Amino acid sequence: MQERYGFHVTNLNIAQVKQKHGIIERENYNKPKSENSRQPGCPEEKVKAIEDALRHFQMI
């Protein structure tokens, strides 16, 4: 991602995009203690880059 798009993506960003497309992830072991906790959103430019990478690997 760094070489092609010029930015880093986090595992959280990738997991959010996979969840958006219905790709099943495994159960996370470090869940937040509070149900009201918030996660930062993924910027639209990163979403498009991750979707492009998932298409390249034929995951979506």
PDB file of N, CA and C in Angstrom:
ATOM      1  N   MET A   1       0.829  -1.179   0.000  1.00  0.00           N
ATOM      2  CA  MET A   1       0.000   0.000   0.000  1.00  0.00           C
ATOM      3  C   MET A   1       0.880   1.252   0.000  1.00  0.00           C
ATOM      4  N   GLN A   2       1.977   1.178   0.742  1.00  0.00           N
ATOM      5  CA  GLN A   2       2.855   2.334   0.832  1.00  0.00           C
ATOM      6  C   GLN A   2       3.433   2.700  -0.533  1.00  0.00           C
ATOM      7  N   GLU A   3       3.905   1.715  -1.271  1.00  0.00           N
ATOM      8  CA  GLU A   3       4.533   1.989  -2.563  1.00  0.00           C
ATOM      9  C   GLU A   3       3.518   2.470  -3.600  1.00  0.00           C
ATOM     10  N   ARG A   4       2.352   1.859  -3.622  1.00  0.00           N
ATOM     11  CA  ARG A   4       1.372   2.174  -4.656  1.00  0.00           C
ATOM     12  C   ARG A   4       0.545   3.420  -4.361  1.00  0.00           C
ATOM     13  N   TYR A   5       0.112   3.557  -3.092  1.00  0.00           N
ATOM     14  CA  TYR A   5      -0.799   4.646  -2.746  1.00  0.00           C
ATOM     15  C   TYR A   5      -0.157   5.740  -1.895  1.00  0.00           C
ATOM     16  N   GLY A   6       0.968   5.448  -1.269  1.00  0.00           N
ATOM     17  CA  GLY A   6       1.677   6.460  -0.496  1.00  0.00           C
ATOM     18  C   GLY A   6       1.196   6.632   0.933  1.00  0.00           C
ATOM     19  N   PHE A   7       0.444   5.672   1.474  1.00  0.00           N
ATOM     20  CA  PHE A   7       0.038   5.752   2.872  1.00  0.00           C
ATOM     21  C   PHE A   7      -0.060   4.354   3.461  1.00  0.00           C
ATOM     22  N   HIS A   8      -0.044   4.302   4.791  1.00  0.00           N
ATOM     23  CA  HIS A   8      -0.170   3.034   5.511  1.00  0.00           C
ATOM     24  C   HIS A   8      -1.628   2.794   5.867  1.00  0.00           C
ATOM     25  N   VAL A   9      -2.028   1.548   5.904  1.00  0.00           N
ATOM     26  CA  VAL A   9      -3.353   1.195   6.406  1.00  0.00           C
ATOM     27  C   VAL A   9      -3.159   0.283   7.609  1.00  0.00           C
ATOM     28  N   THR A  10      -4.067   0.378   8.548  1.00  0.00           N
ATOM     29  CA  THR A  10      -3.973  -0.433   9.760  1.00  0.00           C
ATOM     30  C   THR A  10      -4.817  -1.693   9.613  1.00  0.00           C
ATOM     31  N   ASN A  11      -4.579  -2.630  10.501  1.00  0.00           N
ATOM     32  CA  ASN A  11      -5.383  -3.849  10.516  1.00  0.00           C
ATOM     33  C   ASN A  11      -6.847  -3.526  10.785  1.00  0.00           C
ATOM     34  N   LEU A  12      -7.095  -2.502  11.596  1.00  0.00           N
ATOM     35  CA  LEU A  12      -8.472  -2.089  11.877  1.00  0.00           C
ATOM     36  C   LEU A  12      -9.166  -1.620  10.604  1.00  0.00           C
ATOM     37  N   ASN A  13      -8.452  -0.833   9.781  1.00  0.00           N
ATOM     38  CA  ASN A  13      -9.034  -0.365   8.521  1.00  0.00           C
ATOM     39  C   ASN A  13      -9.376  -1.541   7.618  1.00  0.00           C
ATOM     40  N   ILE A  14      -8.484  -2.499   7.508  1.00  0.00           N
ATOM     41  CA  ILE A  14      -8.722  -3.666   6.652  1.00  0.00           C
ATOM     42  C   ILE A  14      -9.904  -4.473   7.179  1.00  0.00           C
ATOM     43  N   ALA A  15      -9.972  -4.668   8.489  1.00  0.00           N
ATOM     44  CA  ALA A  15     -11.069  -5.432   9.089  1.00  0.00           C
ATOM     45  C   ALA A  15     -12.413  -4.734   8.860  1.00  0.00           C
ATOM     46  N   GLN A  16     -12.437  -3.398   8.946  1.00  0.00           N
ATOM     47  CA  GLN A  16     -13.681  -2.666   8.729  1.00  0.00           C
ATOM     48  C   GLN A  16     -14.165  -2.813   7.294  1.00  0.00           C
ATOM     49  N   VAL A  17     -13.256  -2.766   6.327  1.00  0.00           N
ATOM     50  CA  VAL A  17     -13.648  -2.911   4.924  1.00  0.00           C
ATOM     51  C   VAL A  17     -14.100  -4.339   4.650  1.00  0.00           C
ATOM     52  N   LYS A  18     -13.406  -5.331   5.227  1.00  0.00           N
ATOM     53  CA  LYS A  18     -13.819  -6.724   5.042  1.00  0.00           C
ATOM     54  C   LYS A  18     -15.212  -6.952   5.635  1.00  0.00           C
ATOM     55  N   GLN A  19     -15.466  -6.361   6.788  1.00  0.00           N
ATOM     56  CA  GLN A  19     -16.781  -6.506   7.420  1.00  0.00           C
ATOM     57  C   GLN A  19     -17.853  -5.849   6.562  1.00  0.00           C
ATOM     58  N   LYS A  20     -17.533  -4.725   5.952  1.00  0.00           N
ATOM     59  CA  LYS A  20     -18.468  -4.019   5.076  1.00  0.00           C
ATOM     60  C   LYS A  20     -18.883  -4.888   3.898  1.00  0.00           C
ATOM     61  N   HIS A  21     -17.982  -5.718   3.404  1.00  0.00           N
ATOM     62  CA  HIS A  21     -18.249  -6.587   2.263  1.00  0.00           C
ATOM     63  C   HIS A  21     -18.678  -7.998   2.670  1.00  0.00           C
ATOM     64  N   GLY A  22     -18.844  -8.229   3.965  1.00  0.00           N
ATOM     65  CA  GLY A  22     -19.363  -9.509   4.434  1.00  0.00           C
ATOM     66  C   GLY A  22     -18.338 -10.619   4.516  1.00  0.00           C
ATOM     67  N   ILE A  23     -17.067 -10.280   4.492  1.00  0.00           N
ATOM     68  CA  ILE A  23     -16.029 -11.290   4.644  1.00  0.00           C
ATOM     69  C   ILE A  23     -15.900 -11.585   6.134  1.00  0.00           C
ATOM     70  N   ILE A  24     -16.083 -12.832   6.500  1.00  0.00           N
ATOM     71  CA  ILE A  24     -16.132 -13.225   7.901  1.00  0.00           C
ATOM     72  C   ILE A  24     -14.725 -13.213   8.491  1.00  0.00           C
ATOM     73  N   GLU A  25     -14.591 -12.538   9.613  1.00  0.00           N
ATOM     74  CA  GLU A  25     -13.340 -12.495  10.359  1.00  0.00           C
ATOM     75  C   GLU A  25     -13.474 -13.417  11.564  1.00  0.00           C
ATOM     76  N   ARG A  26     -12.348 -13.776  12.108  1.00  0.00           N
ATOM     77  CA  ARG A  26     -12.387 -14.613  13.311  1.00  0.00           C
ATOM     78  C   ARG A  26     -12.760 -13.772  14.519  1.00  0.00           C
ATOM     79  N   GLU A  27     -13.102 -14.409  15.609  1.00  0.00           N
ATOM     80  CA  GLU A  27     -13.476 -13.721  16.838  1.00  0.00           C
ATOM     81  C   GLU A  27     -12.264 -12.985  17.396  1.00  0.00           C
ATOM     82  N   ASN A  28     -12.456 -11.750  17.784  1.00  0.00           N
ATOM     83  CA  ASN A  28     -11.367 -10.947  18.332  1.00  0.00           C
ATOM     84  C   ASN A  28     -11.247 -11.213  19.824  1.00  0.00           C
ATOM     85  N   TYR A  29     -10.016 -11.415  20.297  1.00  0.00           N
ATOM     86  CA  TYR A  29      -9.823 -11.754  21.700  1.00  0.00           C
ATOM     87  C   TYR A  29      -9.731 -10.524  22.595  1.00  0.00           C
ATOM     88  N   ASN A  30      -9.410  -9.363  22.053  1.00  0.00           N
ATOM     89  CA  ASN A  30      -9.264  -8.169  22.892  1.00  0.00           C
ATOM     90  C   ASN A  30     -10.408  -7.184  22.637  1.00  0.00           C
ATOM     91  N   LYS A  31     -11.600  -7.628  22.946  1.00  0.00           N
ATOM     92  CA  LYS A  31     -12.782  -6.793  22.762  1.00  0.00           C
ATOM     93  C   LYS A  31     -12.818  -5.700  23.825  1.00  0.00           C
ATOM     94  N   PRO A  32     -13.451  -4.569  23.504  1.00  0.00           N
ATOM     95  CA  PRO A  32     -13.553  -3.499  24.509  1.00  0.00           C
ATOM     96  C   PRO A  32     -14.473  -3.925  25.647  1.00  0.00           C
ATOM     97  N   LYS A  33     -14.183  -3.423  26.838  1.00  0.00           N
ATOM     98  CA  LYS A  33     -14.986  -3.781  28.009  1.00  0.00           C
ATOM     99  C   LYS A  33     -16.354  -3.103  27.978  1.00  0.00           C
ATOM    100  N   SER A  34     -16.419  -1.933  27.380  1.00  0.00           N
ATOM    101  CA  SER A  34     -17.667  -1.183  27.316  1.00  0.00           C
ATOM    102  C   SER A  34     -18.317  -1.379  25.945  1.00  0.00           C
ATOM    103  N   GLU A  35     -19.628  -1.521  25.928  1.00  0.00           N
ATOM    104  CA  GLU A  35     -20.340  -1.666  24.662  1.00  0.00           C
ATOM    105  C   GLU A  35     -20.442  -0.340  23.920  1.00  0.00           C
ATOM    106  N   ASN A  36     -20.253   0.771  24.628  1.00  0.00           N
ATOM    107  CA  ASN A  36     -20.385   2.091  24.024  1.00  0.00           C
ATOM    108  C   ASN A  36     -19.062   2.631  23.482  1.00  0.00           C
ATOM    109  N   SER A  37     -18.022   1.804  23.445  1.00  0.00           N
ATOM    110  CA  SER A  37     -16.733   2.296  22.961  1.00  0.00           C
ATOM    111  C   SER A  37     -16.803   2.560  21.457  1.00  0.00           C
ATOM    112  N   ARG A  38     -16.016   3.529  21.018  1.00  0.00           N
ATOM    113  CA  ARG A  38     -16.041   3.922  19.613  1.00  0.00           C
ATOM    114  C   ARG A  38     -14.725   3.540  18.943  1.00  0.00           C
ATOM    115  N   GLN A  39     -14.816   3.216  17.673  1.00  0.00           N
ATOM    116  CA  GLN A  39     -13.640   2.935  16.874  1.00  0.00           C
ATOM    117  C   GLN A  39     -13.497   4.033  15.836  1.00  0.00           C
ATOM    118  N   PRO A  40     -12.268   4.421  15.527  1.00  0.00           N
ATOM    119  CA  PRO A  40     -12.110   5.434  14.489  1.00  0.00           C
ATOM    120  C   PRO A  40     -12.538   4.879  13.137  1.00  0.00           C
ATOM    121  N   GLY A  41     -13.127   5.726  12.320  1.00  0.00           N
ATOM    122  CA  GLY A  41     -13.570   5.302  10.998  1.00  0.00           C
ATOM    123  C   GLY A  41     -12.416   5.266  10.011  1.00  0.00           C
ATOM    124  N   CYS A  42     -12.640   4.618   8.909  1.00  0.00           N
ATOM    125  CA  CYS A  42     -11.642   4.501   7.857  1.00  0.00           C
ATOM    126  C   CYS A  42     -11.910   5.581   6.807  1.00  0.00           C
ATOM    127  N   PRO A  43     -10.906   6.416   6.478  1.00  0.00           N
ATOM    128  CA  PRO A  43     -11.110   7.446   5.451  1.00  0.00           C
ATOM    129  C   PRO A  43     -11.453   6.837   4.093  1.00  0.00           C
ATOM    130  N   GLU A  44     -12.227   7.544   3.310  1.00  0.00           N
ATOM    131  CA  GLU A  44     -12.727   7.021   2.031  1.00  0.00           C
ATOM    132  C   GLU A  44     -11.601   6.656   1.069  1.00  0.00           C
ATOM    133  N   GLU A  45     -10.518   7.427   1.067  1.00  0.00           N
ATOM    134  CA  GLU A  45      -9.412   7.104   0.156  1.00  0.00           C
ATOM    135  C   GLU A  45      -8.761   5.768   0.528  1.00  0.00           C
ATOM    136  N   LYS A  46      -8.697   5.468   1.820  1.00  0.00           N
ATOM    137  CA  LYS A  46      -8.137   4.192   2.256  1.00  0.00           C
ATOM    138  C   LYS A  46      -9.095   3.048   1.952  1.00  0.00           C
ATOM    139  N   VAL A  47     -10.406   3.306   2.076  1.00  0.00           N
ATOM    140  CA  VAL A  47     -11.399   2.277   1.754  1.00  0.00           C
ATOM    141  C   VAL A  47     -11.240   1.846   0.297  1.00  0.00           C
ATOM    142  N   LYS A  48     -11.107   2.824  -0.602  1.00  0.00           N
ATOM    143  CA  LYS A  48     -10.960   2.500  -2.028  1.00  0.00           C
ATOM    144  C   LYS A  48      -9.679   1.733  -2.297  1.00  0.00           C
ATOM    145  N   ALA A  49      -8.593   2.100  -1.619  1.00  0.00           N
ATOM    146  CA  ALA A  49      -7.321   1.400  -1.809  1.00  0.00           C
ATOM    147  C   ALA A  49      -7.400  -0.035  -1.291  1.00  0.00           C
ATOM    148  N   ILE A  50      -8.037  -0.233  -0.154  1.00  0.00           N
ATOM    149  CA  ILE A  50      -8.174  -1.576   0.413  1.00  0.00           C
ATOM    150  C   ILE A  50      -9.071  -2.424  -0.477  1.00  0.00           C
ATOM    151  N   GLU A  51     -10.168  -1.849  -0.967  1.00  0.00           N
ATOM    152  CA  GLU A  51     -11.050  -2.593  -1.873  1.00  0.00           C
ATOM    153  C   GLU A  51     -10.314  -2.990  -3.146  1.00  0.00           C
ATOM    154  N   ASP A  52      -9.456  -2.117  -3.648  1.00  0.00           N
ATOM    155  CA  ASP A  52      -8.658  -2.436  -4.831  1.00  0.00           C
ATOM    156  C   ASP A  52      -7.723  -3.608  -4.544  1.00  0.00           C
ATOM    157  N   ALA A  53      -7.110  -3.609  -3.372  1.00  0.00           N
ATOM    158  CA  ALA A  53      -6.217  -4.704  -2.992  1.00  0.00           C
ATOM    159  C   ALA A  53      -6.999  -6.010  -2.824  1.00  0.00           C
ATOM    160  N   LEU A  54      -8.191  -5.942  -2.238  1.00  0.00           N
ATOM    161  CA  LEU A  54      -9.006  -7.151  -2.066  1.00  0.00           C
ATOM    162  C   LEU A  54      -9.451  -7.708  -3.419  1.00  0.00           C
ATOM    163  N   ARG A  55      -9.752  -6.819  -4.360  1.00  0.00           N
ATOM    164  CA  ARG A  55     -10.091  -7.285  -5.715  1.00  0.00           C
ATOM    165  C   ARG A  55      -8.879  -7.950  -6.373  1.00  0.00           C
ATOM    166  N   HIS A  56      -7.696  -7.382  -6.146  1.00  0.00           N
ATOM    167  CA  HIS A  56      -6.473  -7.951  -6.724  1.00  0.00           C
ATOM    168  C   HIS A  56      -6.265  -9.394  -6.233  1.00  0.00           C
ATOM    169  N   PHE A  57      -6.546  -9.623  -4.952  1.00  0.00           N
ATOM    170  CA  PHE A  57      -6.391 -10.960  -4.389  1.00  0.00           C
ATOM    171  C   PHE A  57      -7.674 -11.789  -4.504  1.00  0.00           C
ATOM    172  N   GLN A  58      -8.640 -11.316  -5.297  1.00  0.00           N
ATOM    173  CA  GLN A  58      -9.894 -12.000  -5.600  1.00  0.00           C
ATOM    174  C   GLN A  58     -10.663 -12.386  -4.330  1.00  0.00           C
ATOM    175  N   MET A  59     -10.717 -11.455  -3.385  1.00  0.00           N
ATOM    176  CA  MET A  59     -11.463 -11.691  -2.158  1.00  0.00           C
ATOM    177  C   MET A  59     -12.855 -11.064  -2.226  1.00  0.00           C
ATOM    178  N   ILE A  60     -13.038 -10.095  -3.134  1.00  0.00           N
ATOM    179  CA  ILE A  60     -14.362  -9.508  -3.335  1.00  0.00           C
ATOM    180  C   ILE A  60     -14.632  -9.434  -4.816  1.00  0.00           C
TER     181      ILE A  60
END
